[in-house]
Protein backbone atom coordinates (compact mmCIF):
# COMPACT_ATOMS: atom_id res chain seq x y z
CA MET A 1 0.00 0.00 0.00
CA SER A 2 1.37 3.36 -0.95
CA HIS A 3 1.76 6.19 1.49
CA PHE A 4 -0.94 8.21 -0.30
CA ALA A 5 -3.47 5.36 -0.02
CA TYR A 6 -2.71 4.91 3.69
CA VAL A 7 -3.22 8.62 4.37
CA LEU A 8 -6.39 8.72 2.28
CA ILE A 9 -7.90 5.72 4.09
CA SER A 10 -6.93 7.18 7.47
CA TYR A 11 -8.57 10.51 6.71
CA ALA A 12 -11.68 8.79 5.35
CA ALA A 13 -11.99 6.62 8.45
CA SER A 14 -11.54 9.63 10.72
CA ALA A 15 -14.14 11.62 8.79
CA PHE A 16 -16.58 8.71 9.00
CA VAL A 17 -16.14 8.44 12.78
CA VAL A 18 -16.59 12.19 13.29
CA LEU A 19 -19.70 12.29 11.09
CA ALA A 20 -21.14 9.26 12.88
CA LEU A 21 -20.62 10.96 16.26
CA VAL A 22 -22.24 14.18 15.02
CA ALA A 23 -25.22 12.19 13.71
CA TRP A 24 -25.51 10.33 17.02
CA VAL A 25 -25.51 13.59 18.98
CA ILE A 26 -28.18 15.13 16.74
CA ILE A 27 -30.40 12.03 16.95
CA ASP A 28 -29.96 11.88 20.74
CA GLN A 29 -30.73 15.59 21.08
CA ARG A 30 -34.01 15.14 19.20
CA ALA A 31 -34.93 12.20 21.44
CA ARG A 32 -34.18 14.18 24.62
CA LYS A 33 -36.22 17.16 23.34
CA ALA A 34 -39.14 14.82 22.63
CA GLU A 35 -38.88 13.36 26.14
CA LEU A 36 -38.82 16.86 27.67
CA ALA A 37 -41.82 17.90 25.62
CA ALA A 38 -43.73 14.80 26.75
CA LEU A 39 -42.88 15.47 30.40
CA GLU A 40 -43.79 19.14 30.15
CA SER A 41 -47.11 18.28 28.49
CA ARG A 42 -47.89 16.04 31.50
CA GLY A 43 -47.18 18.95 33.82
CA VAL A 44 -43.71 17.96 34.99
CA ARG A 45 -41.50 21.04 35.18
CA ARG A 46 -37.77 21.50 35.40
CA ARG A 47 -36.30 22.47 38.72
CA SER A 48 -34.31 25.17 36.98
CA ASP A 49 -37.57 26.91 35.98
CA SER A 50 -38.24 28.00 39.55
CA ALA A 51 -36.37 30.79 41.29
CA PRO A 52 -33.56 29.45 43.48
CA ALA A 53 -34.18 29.67 47.20
CA LYS A 54 -31.76 31.90 49.04
CA ALA A 55 -29.84 30.03 51.71
CA ASP A 56 -28.64 31.84 54.80
CA HIS A 57 -25.09 30.70 55.40
CA GLY A 58 -24.57 33.38 58.07
């Protein structure tokens, strides 16, 4: 195998892995958004939506 072919295959494999990871993140993000929407439609709210309680550490 020539040096050029080795480099080309290495870059192609790396690009494939990066694109697969990006696709996985996008698919997972859509799934999490759908889960959040389902929970919010049932009335479940995020804890971060409420104002934080002030603690007295005095």
